Amino acid sequence: MTTPRLPRLLPETLNAEQRAVHDAVAGGRRAQGPQAFRLVDDEGALAGPFNAFLLQPRLGLPLQALGTAVRYETGLPDRAREIAILVVAQVHGSTFERAAHEAVGRGAGLTEEELEALRDSRFEVFEDDELLVAGTAHMLATTGDLDDTAYARAVAALGEAGLFELLTLVGYYAMLALQLRVFRVDGSRPDGPGD
C-alpha cells in the first residue's frame, strides 16, 4: 500500500471556507439515509476524494455540488448510474470508487454476479438500457469519445439530455479517480489499479 500524499485535514484545523466544504459533504444529501460507505473517518476528516476538495474550497464546493447533482438529480435510474460509475472505477483502477459504489450498487439492486462482471468489464449480464449504459460508459472511459454508431444508439436509448448526464457522470468519476490516484488515497498505487 502506498502512503497517502495528503494529510488528513481534521475539522478543527479548517478555515471557514474549508469548513463549508466539509459540512456540505458530511451533512449533505450523501450523508442522509442509509450509509453505503463512510464520508468521514473516526476523527471527522473527510474520506476518499473529499479530503482533497478542502485544498481549494472555491473548486471543492462546486465539485461537491456537482457530485451531488450527478448522484441525485439526473434521470438515470439508480442501477444504471451505479453501473456507469463502476465501469469508470474499473477502467481507472479506482479502489475507493469501486468499494464505495459496489456498496451503493448493492443498495440499488445490483447482484454479486453483476458486480463481479463489472470488475471484469463483462457487460453481457445486463440487458437493454443497462447494457447500453455499461458499453457507452466503457467506450467513453477508454477512448474519450463515441463513434457515430454508439452515439446514435445512446441518443436513441437515453435522449440527448440523458447522454449529457452520462457524459457528465463519466467525466466526474474519471476526475475523482485521477485525484485519488495522484494523491494515493485509499489503496491507490502508482504502478497500477488498486487492491
N, C-alpha and C. Protein backbone atom coordinates (compact mmCIF):
# COMPACT_ATOMS: atom_id res chain seq x y z
N MET A 1 0.85 -1.18 0.00
CA MET A 1 0.00 0.00 0.00
C MET A 1 0.89 1.24 0.00
N THR A 2 0.53 2.20 -0.78
CA THR A 2 1.29 3.44 -0.91
C THR A 2 0.86 4.43 0.16
N THR A 3 1.79 5.22 0.61
CA THR A 3 1.49 6.24 1.60
C THR A 3 0.71 7.39 0.96
N PRO A 4 -0.39 7.80 1.57
CA PRO A 4 -1.14 8.94 1.02
C PRO A 4 -0.25 10.18 0.95
N ARG A 5 -0.46 10.98 -0.06
CA ARG A 5 0.34 12.19 -0.26
C ARG A 5 -0.24 13.41 0.42
N LEU A 6 -1.49 13.35 0.82
CA LEU A 6 -2.12 14.48 1.51
C LEU A 6 -2.37 14.14 2.97
N PRO A 7 -2.14 15.10 3.85
CA PRO A 7 -2.53 14.85 5.24
C PRO A 7 -4.05 14.88 5.36
N ARG A 8 -4.55 14.12 6.32
CA ARG A 8 -5.98 14.20 6.63
C ARG A 8 -6.22 15.55 7.29
N LEU A 9 -7.17 16.29 6.78
CA LEU A 9 -7.47 17.61 7.34
C LEU A 9 -8.62 17.45 8.33
N LEU A 10 -8.28 17.61 9.60
CA LEU A 10 -9.26 17.42 10.67
C LEU A 10 -10.16 18.65 10.79
N PRO A 11 -11.41 18.47 11.18
CA PRO A 11 -12.37 19.58 11.23
C PRO A 11 -11.87 20.78 12.04
N GLU A 12 -11.19 20.53 13.15
CA GLU A 12 -10.75 21.65 14.00
C GLU A 12 -9.63 22.47 13.37
N THR A 13 -9.01 21.98 12.29
CA THR A 13 -7.93 22.72 11.63
C THR A 13 -8.41 23.51 10.42
N LEU A 14 -9.68 23.42 10.08
CA LEU A 14 -10.19 24.01 8.85
C LEU A 14 -10.54 25.47 9.03
N ASN A 15 -10.28 26.26 7.98
CA ASN A 15 -10.76 27.64 7.98
C ASN A 15 -12.23 27.64 7.56
N ALA A 16 -12.84 28.81 7.51
CA ALA A 16 -14.29 28.90 7.26
C ALA A 16 -14.67 28.34 5.88
N GLU A 17 -13.87 28.64 4.84
CA GLU A 17 -14.19 28.13 3.51
C GLU A 17 -14.06 26.61 3.46
N GLN A 18 -13.01 26.09 4.07
CA GLN A 18 -12.84 24.63 4.11
C GLN A 18 -13.96 23.98 4.91
N ARG A 19 -14.35 24.62 5.98
CA ARG A 19 -15.41 24.06 6.83
C ARG A 19 -16.73 23.98 6.06
N ALA A 20 -16.97 24.97 5.19
CA ALA A 20 -18.19 24.94 4.37
C ALA A 20 -18.19 23.72 3.45
N VAL A 21 -17.04 23.39 2.87
CA VAL A 21 -16.94 22.20 2.02
C VAL A 21 -17.15 20.95 2.86
N HIS A 22 -16.44 20.89 3.99
CA HIS A 22 -16.57 19.74 4.89
C HIS A 22 -18.02 19.51 5.27
N ASP A 23 -18.69 20.56 5.69
CA ASP A 23 -20.07 20.42 6.15
C ASP A 23 -21.03 20.06 5.01
N ALA A 24 -20.74 20.57 3.80
CA ALA A 24 -21.59 20.23 2.66
C ALA A 24 -21.49 18.75 2.32
N VAL A 25 -20.29 18.18 2.46
CA VAL A 25 -20.11 16.75 2.19
C VAL A 25 -20.67 15.93 3.35
N ALA A 26 -20.20 16.23 4.55
CA ALA A 26 -20.55 15.41 5.72
C ALA A 26 -22.00 15.54 6.14
N GLY A 27 -22.63 16.67 5.84
CA GLY A 27 -24.00 16.88 6.25
C GLY A 27 -24.98 17.00 5.10
N GLY A 28 -24.49 16.80 3.89
CA GLY A 28 -25.34 16.95 2.71
C GLY A 28 -26.13 15.70 2.39
N ARG A 29 -26.65 15.68 1.20
CA ARG A 29 -27.54 14.60 0.77
C ARG A 29 -26.86 13.23 0.81
N ARG A 30 -25.55 13.20 0.54
CA ARG A 30 -24.83 11.93 0.59
C ARG A 30 -24.91 11.31 1.98
N ALA A 31 -24.97 12.16 3.01
CA ALA A 31 -24.96 11.68 4.40
C ALA A 31 -26.35 11.28 4.90
N GLN A 32 -27.38 11.57 4.13
CA GLN A 32 -28.74 11.24 4.55
C GLN A 32 -29.08 9.80 4.20
N GLY A 33 -29.92 9.20 4.98
CA GLY A 33 -30.37 7.84 4.69
C GLY A 33 -29.31 6.82 5.03
N PRO A 34 -29.50 5.59 4.57
CA PRO A 34 -28.54 4.53 4.90
C PRO A 34 -27.19 4.81 4.27
N GLN A 35 -26.14 4.60 5.04
CA GLN A 35 -24.78 4.85 4.57
C GLN A 35 -24.21 3.61 3.92
N ALA A 36 -23.90 3.69 2.65
CA ALA A 36 -23.25 2.59 1.97
C ALA A 36 -21.74 2.65 2.17
N PHE A 37 -21.20 3.83 2.37
CA PHE A 37 -19.78 3.98 2.65
C PHE A 37 -19.58 5.23 3.50
N ARG A 38 -18.48 5.28 4.20
CA ARG A 38 -18.23 6.37 5.15
C ARG A 38 -17.73 7.61 4.43
N LEU A 39 -18.31 8.74 4.78
CA LEU A 39 -17.87 10.02 4.23
C LEU A 39 -16.79 10.66 5.09
N VAL A 40 -16.79 10.32 6.37
CA VAL A 40 -15.79 10.85 7.30
C VAL A 40 -15.20 9.70 8.11
N ASP A 41 -13.97 9.91 8.58
CA ASP A 41 -13.35 8.87 9.41
C ASP A 41 -13.72 9.10 10.88
N ASP A 42 -13.14 8.32 11.76
CA ASP A 42 -13.48 8.38 13.19
C ASP A 42 -13.16 9.73 13.83
N GLU A 43 -12.25 10.48 13.23
CA GLU A 43 -11.89 11.79 13.77
C GLU A 43 -12.59 12.95 13.06
N GLY A 44 -13.47 12.63 12.13
CA GLY A 44 -14.23 13.66 11.43
C GLY A 44 -13.60 14.16 10.15
N ALA A 45 -12.43 13.62 9.76
CA ALA A 45 -11.80 14.03 8.50
C ALA A 45 -12.58 13.41 7.33
N LEU A 46 -12.65 14.12 6.22
CA LEU A 46 -13.34 13.62 5.05
C LEU A 46 -12.57 12.45 4.45
N ALA A 47 -13.29 11.45 3.98
CA ALA A 47 -12.70 10.24 3.42
C ALA A 47 -12.64 10.32 1.90
N GLY A 48 -11.89 9.39 1.32
CA GLY A 48 -11.84 9.28 -0.13
C GLY A 48 -11.40 10.55 -0.81
N PRO A 49 -12.07 10.92 -1.90
CA PRO A 49 -11.64 12.10 -2.66
C PRO A 49 -11.98 13.42 -1.98
N PHE A 50 -12.83 13.38 -1.00
CA PHE A 50 -13.36 14.62 -0.44
C PHE A 50 -12.34 15.43 0.34
N ASN A 51 -11.35 14.76 0.94
CA ASN A 51 -10.30 15.48 1.66
C ASN A 51 -9.58 16.46 0.72
N ALA A 52 -9.32 16.04 -0.51
CA ALA A 52 -8.64 16.90 -1.48
C ALA A 52 -9.48 18.13 -1.83
N PHE A 53 -10.80 18.01 -1.76
CA PHE A 53 -11.67 19.16 -2.06
C PHE A 53 -11.37 20.34 -1.15
N LEU A 54 -10.83 20.04 0.04
CA LEU A 54 -10.54 21.08 1.01
C LEU A 54 -9.32 21.91 0.63
N LEU A 55 -8.49 21.42 -0.27
CA LEU A 55 -7.28 22.14 -0.67
C LEU A 55 -7.61 23.47 -1.34
N GLN A 56 -8.69 23.48 -2.11
CA GLN A 56 -9.12 24.69 -2.80
C GLN A 56 -10.65 24.75 -2.73
N PRO A 57 -11.16 25.33 -1.64
CA PRO A 57 -12.61 25.33 -1.43
C PRO A 57 -13.43 25.94 -2.56
N ARG A 58 -12.84 26.92 -3.29
CA ARG A 58 -13.60 27.52 -4.39
C ARG A 58 -13.84 26.53 -5.51
N LEU A 59 -13.03 25.49 -5.62
CA LEU A 59 -13.29 24.38 -6.53
C LEU A 59 -13.98 23.23 -5.81
N GLY A 60 -13.57 22.98 -4.57
CA GLY A 60 -14.11 21.86 -3.82
C GLY A 60 -15.61 21.94 -3.60
N LEU A 61 -16.10 23.13 -3.29
CA LEU A 61 -17.54 23.28 -3.03
C LEU A 61 -18.36 23.03 -4.30
N PRO A 62 -18.00 23.62 -5.45
CA PRO A 62 -18.74 23.29 -6.67
C PRO A 62 -18.60 21.83 -7.09
N LEU A 63 -17.41 21.23 -6.87
CA LEU A 63 -17.25 19.81 -7.20
C LEU A 63 -18.15 18.95 -6.33
N GLN A 64 -18.25 19.28 -5.08
CA GLN A 64 -19.14 18.56 -4.16
C GLN A 64 -20.58 18.69 -4.64
N ALA A 65 -20.97 19.89 -5.07
CA ALA A 65 -22.33 20.11 -5.56
C ALA A 65 -22.57 19.34 -6.87
N LEU A 66 -21.57 19.32 -7.75
CA LEU A 66 -21.69 18.57 -8.99
C LEU A 66 -21.85 17.08 -8.69
N GLY A 67 -21.06 16.56 -7.76
CA GLY A 67 -21.18 15.15 -7.39
C GLY A 67 -22.56 14.82 -6.85
N THR A 68 -23.10 15.71 -6.05
CA THR A 68 -24.46 15.50 -5.53
C THR A 68 -25.46 15.51 -6.67
N ALA A 69 -25.32 16.44 -7.61
CA ALA A 69 -26.24 16.50 -8.75
C ALA A 69 -26.12 15.25 -9.62
N VAL A 70 -24.90 14.79 -9.86
CA VAL A 70 -24.70 13.59 -10.67
C VAL A 70 -25.34 12.38 -10.01
N ARG A 71 -25.26 12.31 -8.69
CA ARG A 71 -25.81 11.15 -7.97
C ARG A 71 -27.33 11.22 -7.80
N TYR A 72 -27.89 12.43 -7.61
CA TYR A 72 -29.28 12.50 -7.17
C TYR A 72 -30.21 13.31 -8.09
N GLU A 73 -29.69 14.01 -9.05
CA GLU A 73 -30.54 14.92 -9.82
C GLU A 73 -30.64 14.57 -11.30
N THR A 74 -30.20 13.38 -11.68
CA THR A 74 -30.28 13.00 -13.09
C THR A 74 -31.46 12.06 -13.31
N GLY A 75 -31.76 11.82 -14.57
CA GLY A 75 -32.83 10.90 -14.91
C GLY A 75 -32.38 9.46 -15.01
N LEU A 76 -31.07 9.21 -14.85
CA LEU A 76 -30.59 7.82 -14.91
C LEU A 76 -31.14 7.04 -13.73
N PRO A 77 -31.68 5.85 -13.98
CA PRO A 77 -32.12 5.01 -12.86
C PRO A 77 -30.92 4.67 -11.96
N ASP A 78 -31.20 4.39 -10.70
CA ASP A 78 -30.13 4.12 -9.74
C ASP A 78 -29.19 3.02 -10.20
N ARG A 79 -29.74 1.92 -10.67
CA ARG A 79 -28.89 0.80 -11.11
C ARG A 79 -28.00 1.24 -12.27
N ALA A 80 -28.56 1.92 -13.25
CA ALA A 80 -27.78 2.36 -14.41
C ALA A 80 -26.68 3.33 -13.99
N ARG A 81 -27.00 4.23 -13.09
CA ARG A 81 -25.99 5.18 -12.60
C ARG A 81 -24.84 4.44 -11.94
N GLU A 82 -25.15 3.47 -11.07
CA GLU A 82 -24.09 2.74 -10.38
C GLU A 82 -23.29 1.86 -11.33
N ILE A 83 -23.95 1.30 -12.33
CA ILE A 83 -23.23 0.54 -13.36
C ILE A 83 -22.20 1.44 -14.04
N ALA A 84 -22.61 2.62 -14.44
CA ALA A 84 -21.70 3.54 -15.12
C ALA A 84 -20.54 3.93 -14.20
N ILE A 85 -20.81 4.23 -12.95
CA ILE A 85 -19.74 4.60 -12.01
C ILE A 85 -18.77 3.44 -11.84
N LEU A 86 -19.28 2.23 -11.72
CA LEU A 86 -18.41 1.07 -11.53
C LEU A 86 -17.60 0.76 -12.78
N VAL A 87 -18.14 1.04 -13.95
CA VAL A 87 -17.36 0.89 -15.18
C VAL A 87 -16.18 1.86 -15.15
N VAL A 88 -16.43 3.10 -14.79
CA VAL A 88 -15.34 4.10 -14.70
C VAL A 88 -14.32 3.67 -13.66
N ALA A 89 -14.77 3.21 -12.51
CA ALA A 89 -13.86 2.76 -11.46
C ALA A 89 -12.97 1.62 -11.96
N GLN A 90 -13.54 0.69 -12.71
CA GLN A 90 -12.77 -0.44 -13.24
C GLN A 90 -11.74 0.03 -14.25
N VAL A 91 -12.16 0.86 -15.19
CA VAL A 91 -11.24 1.33 -16.23
C VAL A 91 -10.06 2.07 -15.60
N HIS A 92 -10.33 2.86 -14.58
CA HIS A 92 -9.28 3.68 -13.97
C HIS A 92 -8.61 3.02 -12.77
N GLY A 93 -9.01 1.80 -12.44
CA GLY A 93 -8.39 1.09 -11.32
C GLY A 93 -8.58 1.81 -10.00
N SER A 94 -9.75 2.40 -9.80
CA SER A 94 -10.01 3.21 -8.61
C SER A 94 -10.62 2.36 -7.49
N THR A 95 -9.78 1.98 -6.56
CA THR A 95 -10.20 1.12 -5.45
C THR A 95 -11.30 1.76 -4.62
N PHE A 96 -11.12 3.03 -4.25
CA PHE A 96 -12.13 3.70 -3.42
C PHE A 96 -13.47 3.75 -4.14
N GLU A 97 -13.47 4.20 -5.39
CA GLU A 97 -14.73 4.29 -6.13
C GLU A 97 -15.39 2.92 -6.25
N ARG A 98 -14.59 1.91 -6.53
CA ARG A 98 -15.17 0.58 -6.68
C ARG A 98 -15.81 0.11 -5.37
N ALA A 99 -15.07 0.20 -4.28
CA ALA A 99 -15.59 -0.26 -2.99
C ALA A 99 -16.83 0.54 -2.58
N ALA A 100 -16.74 1.85 -2.70
CA ALA A 100 -17.85 2.70 -2.30
C ALA A 100 -19.10 2.43 -3.14
N HIS A 101 -18.92 2.34 -4.45
CA HIS A 101 -20.09 2.22 -5.31
C HIS A 101 -20.56 0.79 -5.51
N GLU A 102 -19.74 -0.18 -5.17
CA GLU A 102 -20.30 -1.54 -5.08
C GLU A 102 -21.29 -1.58 -3.92
N ALA A 103 -20.96 -0.93 -2.81
CA ALA A 103 -21.89 -0.89 -1.68
C ALA A 103 -23.18 -0.16 -2.06
N VAL A 104 -23.04 0.98 -2.74
CA VAL A 104 -24.22 1.72 -3.19
C VAL A 104 -24.99 0.89 -4.21
N GLY A 105 -24.26 0.22 -5.10
CA GLY A 105 -24.89 -0.60 -6.13
C GLY A 105 -25.71 -1.74 -5.54
N ARG A 106 -25.19 -2.35 -4.48
CA ARG A 106 -25.97 -3.41 -3.80
C ARG A 106 -27.30 -2.84 -3.31
N GLY A 107 -27.24 -1.64 -2.74
CA GLY A 107 -28.46 -0.99 -2.28
C GLY A 107 -29.42 -0.67 -3.41
N ALA A 108 -28.88 -0.48 -4.62
CA ALA A 108 -29.71 -0.19 -5.79
C ALA A 108 -30.18 -1.46 -6.49
N GLY A 109 -29.76 -2.64 -5.96
CA GLY A 109 -30.24 -3.89 -6.51
C GLY A 109 -29.27 -4.66 -7.37
N LEU A 110 -28.02 -4.21 -7.50
CA LEU A 110 -27.04 -4.98 -8.27
C LEU A 110 -26.68 -6.24 -7.49
N THR A 111 -26.62 -7.36 -8.20
CA THR A 111 -26.31 -8.64 -7.58
C THR A 111 -24.80 -8.84 -7.52
N GLU A 112 -24.37 -9.82 -6.73
CA GLU A 112 -22.94 -10.14 -6.66
C GLU A 112 -22.43 -10.60 -8.03
N GLU A 113 -23.24 -11.33 -8.77
CA GLU A 113 -22.84 -11.75 -10.12
C GLU A 113 -22.62 -10.53 -11.02
N GLU A 114 -23.52 -9.56 -10.94
CA GLU A 114 -23.37 -8.35 -11.76
C GLU A 114 -22.16 -7.54 -11.33
N LEU A 115 -21.91 -7.44 -10.03
CA LEU A 115 -20.74 -6.70 -9.54
C LEU A 115 -19.45 -7.38 -9.99
N GLU A 116 -19.42 -8.70 -9.93
CA GLU A 116 -18.24 -9.43 -10.39
C GLU A 116 -18.02 -9.22 -11.88
N ALA A 117 -19.09 -9.23 -12.65
CA ALA A 117 -18.97 -8.99 -14.09
C ALA A 117 -18.41 -7.60 -14.36
N LEU A 118 -18.87 -6.60 -13.62
CA LEU A 118 -18.35 -5.24 -13.80
C LEU A 118 -16.87 -5.17 -13.45
N ARG A 119 -16.43 -5.91 -12.43
CA ARG A 119 -15.00 -5.93 -12.07
C ARG A 119 -14.16 -6.48 -13.22
N ASP A 120 -14.79 -7.34 -14.03
CA ASP A 120 -14.09 -7.97 -15.15
C ASP A 120 -14.40 -7.29 -16.49
N SER A 121 -15.10 -6.16 -16.46
CA SER A 121 -15.52 -5.45 -17.68
C SER A 121 -16.31 -6.35 -18.62
N ARG A 122 -17.18 -7.18 -18.03
CA ARG A 122 -18.10 -8.03 -18.79
C ARG A 122 -19.51 -7.47 -18.59
N PHE A 123 -20.17 -7.17 -19.67
CA PHE A 123 -21.46 -6.50 -19.56
C PHE A 123 -22.64 -7.35 -20.03
N GLU A 124 -22.38 -8.60 -20.46
CA GLU A 124 -23.44 -9.44 -21.01
C GLU A 124 -24.49 -9.82 -19.96
N VAL A 125 -24.20 -9.58 -18.67
CA VAL A 125 -25.18 -9.90 -17.63
C VAL A 125 -26.32 -8.87 -17.60
N PHE A 126 -26.13 -7.77 -18.32
CA PHE A 126 -27.14 -6.71 -18.34
C PHE A 126 -27.95 -6.77 -19.63
N GLU A 127 -29.10 -6.12 -19.61
CA GLU A 127 -29.96 -6.09 -20.79
C GLU A 127 -30.38 -4.66 -21.08
N ASP A 128 -30.79 -4.44 -22.30
CA ASP A 128 -31.43 -3.22 -22.74
C ASP A 128 -30.64 -1.98 -22.36
N ASP A 129 -31.29 -1.03 -21.68
CA ASP A 129 -30.65 0.25 -21.37
C ASP A 129 -29.45 0.10 -20.45
N GLU A 130 -29.48 -0.87 -19.53
CA GLU A 130 -28.32 -1.07 -18.64
C GLU A 130 -27.12 -1.57 -19.43
N LEU A 131 -27.33 -2.43 -20.39
CA LEU A 131 -26.25 -2.89 -21.26
C LEU A 131 -25.70 -1.72 -22.06
N LEU A 132 -26.59 -0.90 -22.59
CA LEU A 132 -26.17 0.27 -23.35
C LEU A 132 -25.37 1.24 -22.47
N VAL A 133 -25.84 1.49 -21.25
CA VAL A 133 -25.12 2.39 -20.34
C VAL A 133 -23.73 1.85 -20.04
N ALA A 134 -23.62 0.56 -19.75
CA ALA A 134 -22.31 -0.04 -19.45
C ALA A 134 -21.37 0.10 -20.65
N GLY A 135 -21.84 -0.25 -21.83
CA GLY A 135 -21.00 -0.17 -23.02
C GLY A 135 -20.62 1.25 -23.37
N THR A 136 -21.57 2.16 -23.24
CA THR A 136 -21.30 3.57 -23.54
C THR A 136 -20.31 4.15 -22.55
N ALA A 137 -20.52 3.89 -21.26
CA ALA A 137 -19.59 4.38 -20.24
C ALA A 137 -18.20 3.81 -20.46
N HIS A 138 -18.12 2.53 -20.84
CA HIS A 138 -16.81 1.91 -21.09
C HIS A 138 -16.12 2.57 -22.28
N MET A 139 -16.85 2.80 -23.35
CA MET A 139 -16.25 3.44 -24.52
C MET A 139 -15.78 4.85 -24.18
N LEU A 140 -16.60 5.58 -23.43
CA LEU A 140 -16.21 6.94 -23.03
C LEU A 140 -14.97 6.93 -22.13
N ALA A 141 -14.94 6.00 -21.18
CA ALA A 141 -13.83 5.96 -20.23
C ALA A 141 -12.54 5.46 -20.86
N THR A 142 -12.64 4.64 -21.89
CA THR A 142 -11.43 4.10 -22.51
C THR A 142 -10.95 4.90 -23.71
N THR A 143 -11.88 5.50 -24.46
CA THR A 143 -11.47 6.22 -25.67
C THR A 143 -11.71 7.72 -25.59
N GLY A 144 -12.56 8.15 -24.67
CA GLY A 144 -12.87 9.57 -24.57
C GLY A 144 -13.80 10.07 -25.66
N ASP A 145 -14.48 9.15 -26.36
CA ASP A 145 -15.34 9.55 -27.46
C ASP A 145 -16.35 8.44 -27.74
N LEU A 146 -17.32 8.75 -28.59
CA LEU A 146 -18.26 7.75 -29.11
C LEU A 146 -18.22 7.82 -30.63
N ASP A 147 -18.13 6.66 -31.26
CA ASP A 147 -18.24 6.66 -32.73
C ASP A 147 -19.70 6.96 -33.09
N ASP A 148 -19.96 7.15 -34.38
CA ASP A 148 -21.31 7.54 -34.81
C ASP A 148 -22.36 6.51 -34.43
N THR A 149 -22.03 5.23 -34.53
CA THR A 149 -22.99 4.18 -34.20
C THR A 149 -23.31 4.20 -32.71
N ALA A 150 -22.29 4.27 -31.87
CA ALA A 150 -22.50 4.30 -30.42
C ALA A 150 -23.26 5.56 -30.01
N TYR A 151 -22.94 6.68 -30.64
CA TYR A 151 -23.64 7.93 -30.34
C TYR A 151 -25.13 7.79 -30.69
N ALA A 152 -25.43 7.26 -31.86
CA ALA A 152 -26.83 7.12 -32.29
C ALA A 152 -27.59 6.19 -31.35
N ARG A 153 -26.95 5.08 -30.95
CA ARG A 153 -27.61 4.16 -30.01
C ARG A 153 -27.87 4.83 -28.67
N ALA A 154 -26.89 5.57 -28.17
CA ALA A 154 -27.05 6.23 -26.87
C ALA A 154 -28.16 7.27 -26.92
N VAL A 155 -28.21 8.06 -27.97
CA VAL A 155 -29.26 9.08 -28.10
C VAL A 155 -30.62 8.41 -28.25
N ALA A 156 -30.69 7.32 -29.01
CA ALA A 156 -31.97 6.62 -29.18
C ALA A 156 -32.48 6.07 -27.85
N ALA A 157 -31.58 5.58 -27.02
CA ALA A 157 -31.99 4.99 -25.74
C ALA A 157 -32.16 6.01 -24.63
N LEU A 158 -31.28 6.99 -24.58
CA LEU A 158 -31.25 7.91 -23.44
C LEU A 158 -31.74 9.30 -23.77
N GLY A 159 -31.80 9.64 -25.04
CA GLY A 159 -32.08 11.01 -25.44
C GLY A 159 -30.81 11.84 -25.30
N GLU A 160 -30.80 13.01 -25.91
CA GLU A 160 -29.62 13.87 -25.81
C GLU A 160 -29.36 14.30 -24.38
N ALA A 161 -30.42 14.62 -23.64
CA ALA A 161 -30.25 15.04 -22.25
C ALA A 161 -29.70 13.90 -21.40
N GLY A 162 -30.19 12.68 -21.62
CA GLY A 162 -29.69 11.53 -20.88
C GLY A 162 -28.23 11.24 -21.20
N LEU A 163 -27.86 11.39 -22.47
CA LEU A 163 -26.45 11.20 -22.84
C LEU A 163 -25.59 12.27 -22.18
N PHE A 164 -26.06 13.50 -22.15
CA PHE A 164 -25.33 14.56 -21.46
C PHE A 164 -25.09 14.19 -19.99
N GLU A 165 -26.13 13.66 -19.35
CA GLU A 165 -25.99 13.23 -17.95
C GLU A 165 -24.93 12.14 -17.82
N LEU A 166 -24.96 11.16 -18.72
CA LEU A 166 -23.98 10.08 -18.67
C LEU A 166 -22.57 10.59 -18.93
N LEU A 167 -22.41 11.49 -19.91
CA LEU A 167 -21.11 12.10 -20.18
C LEU A 167 -20.58 12.82 -18.95
N THR A 168 -21.44 13.56 -18.28
CA THR A 168 -21.04 14.30 -17.09
C THR A 168 -20.64 13.35 -15.97
N LEU A 169 -21.41 12.29 -15.78
CA LEU A 169 -21.11 11.30 -14.76
C LEU A 169 -19.75 10.66 -15.03
N VAL A 170 -19.52 10.21 -16.25
CA VAL A 170 -18.24 9.57 -16.59
C VAL A 170 -17.09 10.54 -16.36
N GLY A 171 -17.24 11.76 -16.80
CA GLY A 171 -16.18 12.76 -16.60
C GLY A 171 -15.92 13.06 -15.13
N TYR A 172 -16.97 13.17 -14.35
CA TYR A 172 -16.82 13.47 -12.92
C TYR A 172 -16.08 12.33 -12.21
N TYR A 173 -16.51 11.10 -12.43
CA TYR A 173 -15.88 9.98 -11.73
C TYR A 173 -14.47 9.68 -12.26
N ALA A 174 -14.21 9.99 -13.53
CA ALA A 174 -12.84 9.87 -14.05
C ALA A 174 -11.94 10.90 -13.37
N MET A 175 -12.46 12.12 -13.15
CA MET A 175 -11.69 13.15 -12.45
C MET A 175 -11.39 12.71 -11.02
N LEU A 176 -12.40 12.16 -10.33
CA LEU A 176 -12.17 11.68 -8.97
C LEU A 176 -11.13 10.56 -8.96
N ALA A 177 -11.20 9.65 -9.92
CA ALA A 177 -10.23 8.56 -9.99
C ALA A 177 -8.82 9.11 -10.17
N LEU A 178 -8.68 10.14 -10.99
CA LEU A 178 -7.37 10.77 -11.18
C LEU A 178 -6.87 11.38 -9.88
N GLN A 179 -7.73 12.10 -9.18
CA GLN A 179 -7.33 12.71 -7.91
C GLN A 179 -6.95 11.63 -6.89
N LEU A 180 -7.75 10.59 -6.80
CA LEU A 180 -7.46 9.51 -5.86
C LEU A 180 -6.11 8.86 -6.18
N ARG A 181 -5.84 8.65 -7.46
CA ARG A 181 -4.59 8.02 -7.87
C ARG A 181 -3.39 8.93 -7.57
N VAL A 182 -3.46 10.19 -7.97
CA VAL A 182 -2.33 11.09 -7.79
C VAL A 182 -2.05 11.36 -6.31
N PHE A 183 -3.09 11.49 -5.52
CA PHE A 183 -2.90 11.75 -4.08
C PHE A 183 -2.73 10.46 -3.28
N ARG A 184 -2.77 9.29 -3.97
CA ARG A 184 -2.55 7.98 -3.34
C ARG A 184 -3.52 7.74 -2.18
N VAL A 185 -4.80 7.89 -2.49
CA VAL A 185 -5.84 7.77 -1.49
C VAL A 185 -6.40 6.35 -1.47
N ASP A 186 -6.52 5.79 -0.29
CA ASP A 186 -7.25 4.54 -0.05
C ASP A 186 -6.86 3.41 -1.00
N GLY A 187 -5.60 3.03 -0.96
CA GLY A 187 -5.17 1.83 -1.67
C GLY A 187 -4.78 2.05 -3.11
N SER A 188 -4.85 3.30 -3.61
CA SER A 188 -4.42 3.50 -4.98
C SER A 188 -2.90 3.36 -5.05
N ARG A 189 -2.42 2.84 -6.18
CA ARG A 189 -0.99 2.59 -6.33
C ARG A 189 -0.49 3.29 -7.58
N PRO A 190 0.76 3.74 -7.56
CA PRO A 190 1.30 4.40 -8.74
C PRO A 190 1.57 3.44 -9.89
N ASP A 191 1.67 2.12 -9.62
CA ASP A 191 2.04 1.16 -10.65
C ASP A 191 0.86 0.42 -11.24
N GLY A 192 -0.34 0.80 -10.90
CA GLY A 192 -1.49 0.11 -11.48
C GLY A 192 -2.71 0.25 -10.62
N PRO A 193 -3.75 -0.52 -10.95
CA PRO A 193 -5.00 -0.43 -10.20
C PRO A 193 -4.81 -0.76 -8.73
N GLY A 194 -5.72 -0.25 -7.95
CA GLY A 194 -5.70 -0.51 -6.52
C GLY A 194 -6.08 -1.94 -6.22
N ASP A 195 -6.14 -2.25 -4.93
CA ASP A 195 -6.41 -3.62 -4.48
C ASP A 195 -7.74 -4.13 -5.00
